């Protein structure tokens, strides 16, 4: 047997969107470690070459949501008109960002409309992949594209995920009580989703960075 190096890559796929006169281009990859500006500019250049009319990014965030309910989806867009058309929110976030934020900034500077969709994932089940979040994102994306996706397999995976997490939660009384409380809160909110805003997430990240820096300074002082 021989070993082979598998380099990380960002792959692009394309297909026609059923029931519409549009084509879709799907990009799958991982967040690059270096040269974010160059990476984003490359994607924007490709979008220009292909005549892309809308860039949509999909992601997930940890939140106080129960796994037994549909995953809430929030979103934001860079263009005011797009915000109204898609029923999203205008982004007012200022602070640390990741490659998604850099990419949307590149789209804005290039004059390409862009939107970002985020599904909320239960923080107590963060280590397991969430097909329920993927299902919610696909359903929301289908609405944006004006089409329907075949999601039967993803629905089955979502049902299995809910059952498996429920079995794990039931084995711990404290966690089970916490999830029941989340369910009650979610049912009481109805369509008003209790998902952290960009400002809240930014504040939490800033707090984490401050505490991390303080711990490092303490460790350096102790070792001195």
C-alpha atoms as a PDB file:
ATOM      1  CA  UNK A   1       0.000   0.000   0.000  1.00  0.00           C
ATOM      2  CA  UNK A   2       1.128   3.524  -0.711  1.00  0.00           C
ATOM      3  CA  UNK A   3       0.081   6.757   0.863  1.00  0.00           C
ATOM      4  CA  UNK A   4      -1.202   9.730  -1.051  1.00  0.00           C
ATOM      5  CA  UNK A   5      -1.607  13.367  -0.057  1.00  0.00           C
ATOM      6  CA  UNK A   6      -5.144  14.663  -0.518  1.00  0.00           C
ATOM      7  CA  UNK A   7      -4.953  18.422  -0.870  1.00  0.00           C
ATOM      8  CA  UNK A   8      -7.966  20.456   0.300  1.00  0.00           C
ATOM      9  CA  UNK A   9      -9.848  22.045  -2.560  1.00  0.00           C
ATOM     10  CA  UNK A  10     -12.800  24.221  -3.381  1.00  0.00           C
ATOM     11  CA  UNK A  11     -14.878  22.451  -6.034  1.00  0.00           C
ATOM     12  CA  UNK A  12     -17.586  23.951  -8.225  1.00  0.00           C
ATOM     13  CA  UNK A  13     -20.623  22.156  -9.673  1.00  0.00           C
ATOM     14  CA  UNK A  14     -23.367  23.420 -11.960  1.00  0.00           C
ATOM     15  CA  UNK A  15     -26.873  22.347 -12.910  1.00  0.00           C
ATOM     16  CA  UNK A  16     -30.122  23.703 -14.272  1.00  0.00           C
ATOM     17  CA  UNK A  17     -32.780  24.680 -11.728  1.00  0.00           C
ATOM     18  CA  UNK A  18     -35.998  22.718 -12.465  1.00  0.00           C
ATOM     19  CA  UNK A  19     -39.033  24.840 -13.252  1.00  0.00           C
ATOM     20  CA  UNK A  20     -36.999  27.985 -13.886  1.00  0.00           C
ATOM     21  CA  UNK A  21     -34.837  29.484 -16.599  1.00  0.00           C
ATOM     22  CA  UNK A  22     -31.896  29.703 -14.236  1.00  0.00           C
ATOM     23  CA  UNK A  23     -28.751  27.685 -13.685  1.00  0.00           C
ATOM     24  CA  UNK A  24     -27.116  27.179 -10.309  1.00  0.00           C
ATOM     25  CA  UNK A  25     -23.432  26.957  -9.457  1.00  0.00           C
ATOM     26  CA  UNK A  26     -22.573  25.198  -6.187  1.00  0.00           C
ATOM     27  CA  UNK A  27     -19.259  25.730  -4.423  1.00  0.00           C
ATOM     28  CA  UNK A  28     -18.037  23.281  -1.774  1.00  0.00           C
ATOM     29  CA  UNK A  29     -14.835  23.813   0.157  1.00  0.00           C
ATOM     30  CA  UNK A  30     -13.207  24.609   3.475  1.00  0.00           C
ATOM     31  CA  UNK A  31     -12.183  27.929   4.941  1.00  0.00           C
ATOM     32  CA  UNK A  32      -8.679  28.750   3.661  1.00  0.00           C
ATOM     33  CA  UNK A  33      -5.907  29.407   6.167  1.00  0.00           C
ATOM     34  CA  UNK A  34      -4.213  32.114   4.115  1.00  0.00           C
ATOM     35  CA  UNK A  35      -4.857  34.748   1.436  1.00  0.00           C
ATOM     36  CA  UNK A  36      -8.548  35.287   2.127  1.00  0.00           C
ATOM     37  CA  UNK A  37      -8.655  38.386  -0.075  1.00  0.00           C
ATOM     38  CA  UNK A  38      -7.201  36.516  -3.052  1.00  0.00           C
ATOM     39  CA  UNK A  39      -9.502  33.542  -2.434  1.00  0.00           C
ATOM     40  CA  UNK A  40     -12.610  35.749  -2.345  1.00  0.00           C
ATOM     41  CA  UNK A  41     -11.525  37.754  -5.401  1.00  0.00           C
ATOM     42  CA  UNK A  42     -11.072  34.507  -7.347  1.00  0.00           C
ATOM     43  CA  UNK A  43     -14.633  33.457  -6.546  1.00  0.00           C
ATOM     44  CA  UNK A  44     -15.977  36.899  -7.427  1.00  0.00           C
ATOM     45  CA  UNK A  45     -14.090  36.839 -10.740  1.00  0.00           C
ATOM     46  CA  UNK A  46     -15.620  33.456 -11.539  1.00  0.00           C
ATOM     47  CA  UNK A  47     -19.064  34.782 -10.615  1.00  0.00           C
ATOM     48  CA  UNK A  48     -18.567  37.661 -13.032  1.00  0.00           C
ATOM     49  CA  UNK A  49     -17.422  35.361 -15.824  1.00  0.00           C
ATOM     50  CA  UNK A  50     -20.481  33.136 -15.348  1.00  0.00           C
ATOM     51  CA  UNK A  51     -22.930  36.024 -15.079  1.00  0.00           C
ATOM     52  CA  UNK A  52     -23.969  35.118 -11.535  1.00  0.00           C
ATOM     53  CA  UNK A  53     -26.924  37.265 -10.414  1.00  0.00           C
ATOM     54  CA  UNK A  54     -27.026  36.262  -6.736  1.00  0.00           C
ATOM     55  CA  UNK A  55     -24.477  34.720  -4.369  1.00  0.00           C
ATOM     56  CA  UNK A  56     -25.934  32.790  -1.426  1.00  0.00           C
ATOM     57  CA  UNK A  57     -23.831  31.293   1.371  1.00  0.00           C
ATOM     58  CA  UNK A  58     -25.138  28.585   3.699  1.00  0.00           C
ATOM     59  CA  UNK A  59     -23.944  27.981   7.232  1.00  0.00           C
ATOM     60  CA  UNK A  60     -24.888  26.951  10.742  1.00  0.00           C
ATOM     61  CA  UNK A  61     -24.537  28.451  14.203  1.00  0.00           C
ATOM     62  CA  UNK A  62     -24.893  27.053  17.713  1.00  0.00           C
ATOM     63  CA  UNK A  63     -27.940  28.299  19.598  1.00  0.00           C
ATOM     64  CA  UNK A  64     -30.389  27.499  22.406  1.00  0.00           C
ATOM     65  CA  UNK A  65     -32.782  25.562  20.169  1.00  0.00           C
ATOM     66  CA  UNK A  66     -34.279  22.081  20.708  1.00  0.00           C
ATOM     67  CA  UNK A  67     -33.410  19.245  18.325  1.00  0.00           C
ATOM     68  CA  UNK A  68     -37.069  18.139  18.293  1.00  0.00           C
ATOM     69  CA  UNK A  69     -38.261  21.172  16.346  1.00  0.00           C
ATOM     70  CA  UNK A  70     -37.485  22.348  12.779  1.00  0.00           C
ATOM     71  CA  UNK A  71     -34.149  24.152  12.656  1.00  0.00           C
ATOM     72  CA  UNK A  72     -34.689  27.938  12.605  1.00  0.00           C
ATOM     73  CA  UNK A  73     -33.105  29.730   9.645  1.00  0.00           C
ATOM     74  CA  UNK A  74     -32.049  33.349   9.774  1.00  0.00           C
ATOM     75  CA  UNK A  75     -30.450  35.389   7.049  1.00  0.00           C
ATOM     76  CA  UNK A  76     -29.042  38.706   5.986  1.00  0.00           C
ATOM     77  CA  UNK A  77     -28.346  40.465   2.719  1.00  0.00           C
ATOM     78  CA  UNK A  78     -26.107  43.307   1.630  1.00  0.00           C
ATOM     79  CA  UNK A  79     -28.615  45.100  -0.587  1.00  0.00           C
ATOM     80  CA  UNK A  80     -31.659  46.900   0.854  1.00  0.00           C
ATOM     81  CA  UNK A  81     -33.894  45.876  -2.040  1.00  0.00           C
ATOM     82  CA  UNK A  82     -32.736  42.270  -1.712  1.00  0.00           C
ATOM     83  CA  UNK A  83     -33.497  42.346   2.010  1.00  0.00           C
ATOM     84  CA  UNK A  84     -37.117  43.257   1.279  1.00  0.00           C
ATOM     85  CA  UNK A  85     -37.527  40.781  -1.603  1.00  0.00           C
ATOM     86  CA  UNK A  86     -36.132  37.811   0.333  1.00  0.00           C
ATOM     87  CA  UNK A  87     -37.613  38.730   3.696  1.00  0.00           C
ATOM     88  CA  UNK A  88     -34.214  38.789   5.367  1.00  0.00           C
ATOM     89  CA  UNK A  89     -32.442  41.340   7.548  1.00  0.00           C
ATOM     90  CA  UNK A  90     -29.937  44.067   6.770  1.00  0.00           C
ATOM     91  CA  UNK A  91     -26.555  43.285   8.285  1.00  0.00           C
ATOM     92  CA  UNK A  92     -25.298  45.889  10.778  1.00  0.00           C
ATOM     93  CA  UNK A  93     -22.565  43.685  12.197  1.00  0.00           C
ATOM     94  CA  UNK A  94     -19.153  45.234  12.859  1.00  0.00           C
ATOM     95  CA  UNK A  95     -16.389  43.091  14.316  1.00  0.00           C
ATOM     96  CA  UNK A  96     -14.337  39.925  13.742  1.00  0.00           C
ATOM     97  CA  UNK A  97     -15.421  37.861  10.772  1.00  0.00           C
ATOM     98  CA  UNK A  98     -14.636  34.668   8.859  1.00  0.00           C
ATOM     99  CA  UNK A  99     -14.294  33.825   5.200  1.00  0.00           C
ATOM    100  CA  UNK A 100     -18.074  34.202   4.714  1.00  0.00           C
ATOM    101  CA  UNK A 101     -17.925  37.838   5.784  1.00  0.00           C
ATOM    102  CA  UNK A 102     -14.903  38.485   3.578  1.00  0.00           C
ATOM    103  CA  UNK A 103     -16.603  36.861   0.594  1.00  0.00           C
ATOM    104  CA  UNK A 104     -19.764  38.940   1.027  1.00  0.00           C
ATOM    105  CA  UNK A 105     -17.668  42.096   1.297  1.00  0.00           C
ATOM    106  CA  UNK A 106     -15.945  41.170  -1.972  1.00  0.00           C
ATOM    107  CA  UNK A 107     -19.343  40.664  -3.604  1.00  0.00           C
ATOM    108  CA  UNK A 108     -20.515  44.038  -2.328  1.00  0.00           C
ATOM    109  CA  UNK A 109     -17.461  45.810  -3.727  1.00  0.00           C
ATOM    110  CA  UNK A 110     -17.972  44.035  -7.050  1.00  0.00           C
ATOM    111  CA  UNK A 111     -21.644  45.006  -7.191  1.00  0.00           C
ATOM    112  CA  UNK A 112     -22.871  41.392  -7.001  1.00  0.00           C
ATOM    113  CA  UNK A 113     -25.984  40.933  -4.778  1.00  0.00           C
ATOM    114  CA  UNK A 114     -25.395  38.412  -1.999  1.00  0.00           C
ATOM    115  CA  UNK A 115     -27.315  36.830   0.862  1.00  0.00           C
ATOM    116  CA  UNK A 116     -26.365  34.635   3.791  1.00  0.00           C
ATOM    117  CA  UNK A 117     -28.538  31.909   5.361  1.00  0.00           C
ATOM    118  CA  UNK A 118     -27.778  30.365   8.751  1.00  0.00           C
ATOM    119  CA  UNK A 119     -29.481  27.395  10.413  1.00  0.00           C
ATOM    120  CA  UNK A 120     -29.496  27.139  14.203  1.00  0.00           C
ATOM    121  CA  UNK A 121     -28.036  23.912  15.628  1.00  0.00           C
ATOM    122  CA  UNK A 122     -28.571  22.780  19.253  1.00  0.00           C
ATOM    123  CA  UNK A 123     -25.398  23.595  21.165  1.00  0.00           C
ATOM    124  CA  UNK A 124     -25.769  20.427  23.276  1.00  0.00           C
ATOM    125  CA  UNK A 125     -25.485  18.294  20.105  1.00  0.00           C
ATOM    126  CA  UNK A 126     -22.740  20.286  18.395  1.00  0.00           C
ATOM    127  CA  UNK A 127     -20.433  17.326  17.766  1.00  0.00           C
ATOM    128  CA  UNK A 128     -22.908  15.494  15.521  1.00  0.00           C
ATOM    129  CA  UNK A 129     -23.676  16.545  11.962  1.00  0.00           C
ATOM    130  CA  UNK A 130     -27.197  17.950  11.778  1.00  0.00           C
ATOM    131  CA  UNK A 131     -29.229  16.783   8.760  1.00  0.00           C
ATOM    132  CA  UNK A 132     -32.130  18.746  10.269  1.00  0.00           C
ATOM    133  CA  UNK A 133     -30.168  21.983   9.792  1.00  0.00           C
ATOM    134  CA  UNK A 134     -29.213  20.923   6.268  1.00  0.00           C
ATOM    135  CA  UNK A 135     -32.869  20.185   5.514  1.00  0.00           C
ATOM    136  CA  UNK A 136     -33.969  23.621   6.740  1.00  0.00           C
ATOM    137  CA  UNK A 137     -31.290  25.345   4.649  1.00  0.00           C
ATOM    138  CA  UNK A 138     -32.245  23.407   1.517  1.00  0.00           C
ATOM    139  CA  UNK A 139     -35.911  24.265   1.985  1.00  0.00           C
ATOM    140  CA  UNK A 140     -35.096  27.962   2.424  1.00  0.00           C
ATOM    141  CA  UNK A 141     -32.721  27.941  -0.537  1.00  0.00           C
ATOM    142  CA  UNK A 142     -35.347  26.274  -2.740  1.00  0.00           C
ATOM    143  CA  UNK A 143     -37.701  29.113  -1.861  1.00  0.00           C
ATOM    144  CA  UNK A 144     -35.095  31.684  -2.897  1.00  0.00           C
ATOM    145  CA  UNK A 145     -34.552  29.909  -6.212  1.00  0.00           C
ATOM    146  CA  UNK A 146     -38.263  29.455  -6.848  1.00  0.00           C
ATOM    147  CA  UNK A 147     -38.041  25.680  -7.161  1.00  0.00           C
ATOM    148  CA  UNK A 148     -38.349  22.461  -5.128  1.00  0.00           C
ATOM    149  CA  UNK A 149     -35.640  20.012  -4.115  1.00  0.00           C
ATOM    150  CA  UNK A 150     -35.995  16.258  -3.695  1.00  0.00           C
ATOM    151  CA  UNK A 151     -35.347  16.033   0.048  1.00  0.00           C
ATOM    152  CA  UNK A 152     -36.767  12.614   0.927  1.00  0.00           C
ATOM    153  CA  UNK A 153     -33.403  11.126   1.916  1.00  0.00           C
ATOM    154  CA  UNK A 154     -32.496  14.208   3.926  1.00  0.00           C
ATOM    155  CA  UNK A 155     -35.874  14.050   5.698  1.00  0.00           C
ATOM    156  CA  UNK A 156     -35.216  10.412   6.652  1.00  0.00           C
ATOM    157  CA  UNK A 157     -31.763  11.351   7.943  1.00  0.00           C
ATOM    158  CA  UNK A 158     -33.325  14.219   9.893  1.00  0.00           C
ATOM    159  CA  UNK A 159     -35.841  11.874  11.538  1.00  0.00           C
ATOM    160  CA  UNK A 160     -33.081   9.415  12.456  1.00  0.00           C
ATOM    161  CA  UNK A 161     -30.969  12.262  13.856  1.00  0.00           C
ATOM    162  CA  UNK A 162     -33.832  13.432  16.074  1.00  0.00           C
ATOM    163  CA  UNK A 163     -34.412   9.916  17.401  1.00  0.00           C
ATOM    164  CA  UNK A 164     -30.719   9.322  18.137  1.00  0.00           C
ATOM    165  CA  UNK A 165     -30.275  12.639  19.928  1.00  0.00           C
ATOM    166  CA  UNK A 166     -33.501  12.076  21.885  1.00  0.00           C
ATOM    167  CA  UNK A 167     -32.210   8.713  23.106  1.00  0.00           C
ATOM    168  CA  UNK A 168     -28.940  10.294  24.207  1.00  0.00           C
ATOM    169  CA  UNK A 169     -30.720  13.177  25.941  1.00  0.00           C
ATOM    170  CA  UNK A 170     -33.129  10.839  27.762  1.00  0.00           C
ATOM    171  CA  UNK A 171     -30.184   9.128  29.464  1.00  0.00           C
ATOM    172  CA  UNK A 172     -29.395  12.294  31.436  1.00  0.00           C
ATOM    173  CA  UNK A 173     -32.148  13.828  33.587  1.00  0.00           C
ATOM    174  CA  UNK A 174     -30.612  17.299  33.694  1.00  0.00           C
ATOM    175  CA  UNK A 175     -30.168  17.502  29.932  1.00  0.00           C
ATOM    176  CA  UNK A 176     -33.637  16.069  29.345  1.00  0.00           C
ATOM    177  CA  UNK A 177     -35.196  18.757  31.559  1.00  0.00           C
ATOM    178  CA  UNK A 178     -33.185  21.448  29.778  1.00  0.00           C
ATOM    179  CA  UNK A 179     -34.393  20.283  26.352  1.00  0.00           C
ATOM    180  CA  UNK A 180     -38.003  20.241  27.559  1.00  0.00           C
ATOM    181  CA  UNK A 181     -37.565  23.840  28.686  1.00  0.00           C
ATOM    182  CA  UNK A 182     -36.188  24.764  25.248  1.00  0.00           C
ATOM    183  CA  UNK A 183     -39.180  23.090  23.611  1.00  0.00           C
ATOM    184  CA  UNK A 184     -41.602  25.090  25.745  1.00  0.00           C
ATOM    185  CA  UNK A 185     -39.801  28.336  24.944  1.00  0.00           C
ATOM    186  CA  UNK A 186     -39.726  27.577  21.224  1.00  0.00           C
ATOM    187  CA  UNK A 187     -43.424  26.656  21.143  1.00  0.00           C
ATOM    188  CA  UNK A 188     -44.288  29.866  22.998  1.00  0.00           C
ATOM    189  CA  UNK A 189     -42.316  31.986  20.536  1.00  0.00           C
ATOM    190  CA  UNK A 190     -43.983  30.461  17.486  1.00  0.00           C
ATOM    191  CA  UNK A 191     -42.664  32.198  14.367  1.00  0.00           C
ATOM    192  CA  UNK A 192     -40.584  34.642  16.413  1.00  0.00           C
ATOM    193  CA  UNK A 193     -37.329  32.738  16.455  1.00  0.00           C
ATOM    194  CA  UNK A 194     -35.111  33.153  19.490  1.00  0.00           C
ATOM    195  CA  UNK A 195     -31.844  33.001  17.555  1.00  0.00           C
ATOM    196  CA  UNK A 196     -28.809  35.115  18.511  1.00  0.00           C
ATOM    197  CA  UNK A 197     -28.345  38.242  16.428  1.00  0.00           C
ATOM    198  CA  UNK A 198     -25.101  39.132  14.713  1.00  0.00           C
ATOM    199  CA  UNK A 199     -24.450  41.698  17.432  1.00  0.00           C
ATOM    200  CA  UNK A 200     -24.923  39.077  20.155  1.00  0.00           C
ATOM    201  CA  UNK A 201     -22.603  36.631  18.441  1.00  0.00           C
ATOM    202  CA  UNK A 202     -20.014  39.380  17.989  1.00  0.00           C
ATOM    203  CA  UNK A 203     -20.205  40.323  21.659  1.00  0.00           C
ATOM    204  CA  UNK A 204     -19.779  36.676  22.682  1.00  0.00           C
ATOM    205  CA  UNK A 205     -16.769  36.298  20.378  1.00  0.00           C
ATOM    206  CA  UNK A 206     -15.194  39.516  21.681  1.00  0.00           C
ATOM    207  CA  UNK A 207     -15.699  38.319  25.259  1.00  0.00           C
ATOM    208  CA  UNK A 208     -14.120  34.957  24.443  1.00  0.00           C
ATOM    209  CA  UNK A 209     -11.102  36.631  22.839  1.00  0.00           C
ATOM    210  CA  UNK A 210     -10.620  38.915  25.844  1.00  0.00           C
ATOM    211  CA  UNK A 211     -10.824  36.011  28.279  1.00  0.00           C
ATOM    212  CA  UNK A 212      -8.483  33.920  26.112  1.00  0.00           C
ATOM    213  CA  UNK A 213      -5.924  36.740  26.026  1.00  0.00           C
ATOM    214  CA  UNK A 214      -6.213  37.205  29.794  1.00  0.00           C
ATOM    215  CA  UNK A 215      -5.624  33.481  30.377  1.00  0.00           C
ATOM    216  CA  UNK A 216      -2.554  33.547  28.170  1.00  0.00           C
ATOM    217  CA  UNK A 217      -1.137  36.512  30.074  1.00  0.00           C
ATOM    218  CA  UNK A 218      -1.759  34.735  33.393  1.00  0.00           C
ATOM    219  CA  UNK A 219      -0.024  31.605  32.121  1.00  0.00           C
ATOM    220  CA  UNK A 220       2.956  33.626  30.935  1.00  0.00           C
ATOM    221  CA  UNK A 221       3.210  35.389  34.285  1.00  0.00           C
ATOM    222  CA  UNK A 222       3.009  32.076  36.175  1.00  0.00           C
ATOM    223  CA  UNK A 223       5.733  30.525  34.047  1.00  0.00           C
ATOM    224  CA  UNK A 224       8.009  33.579  34.371  1.00  0.00           C
END
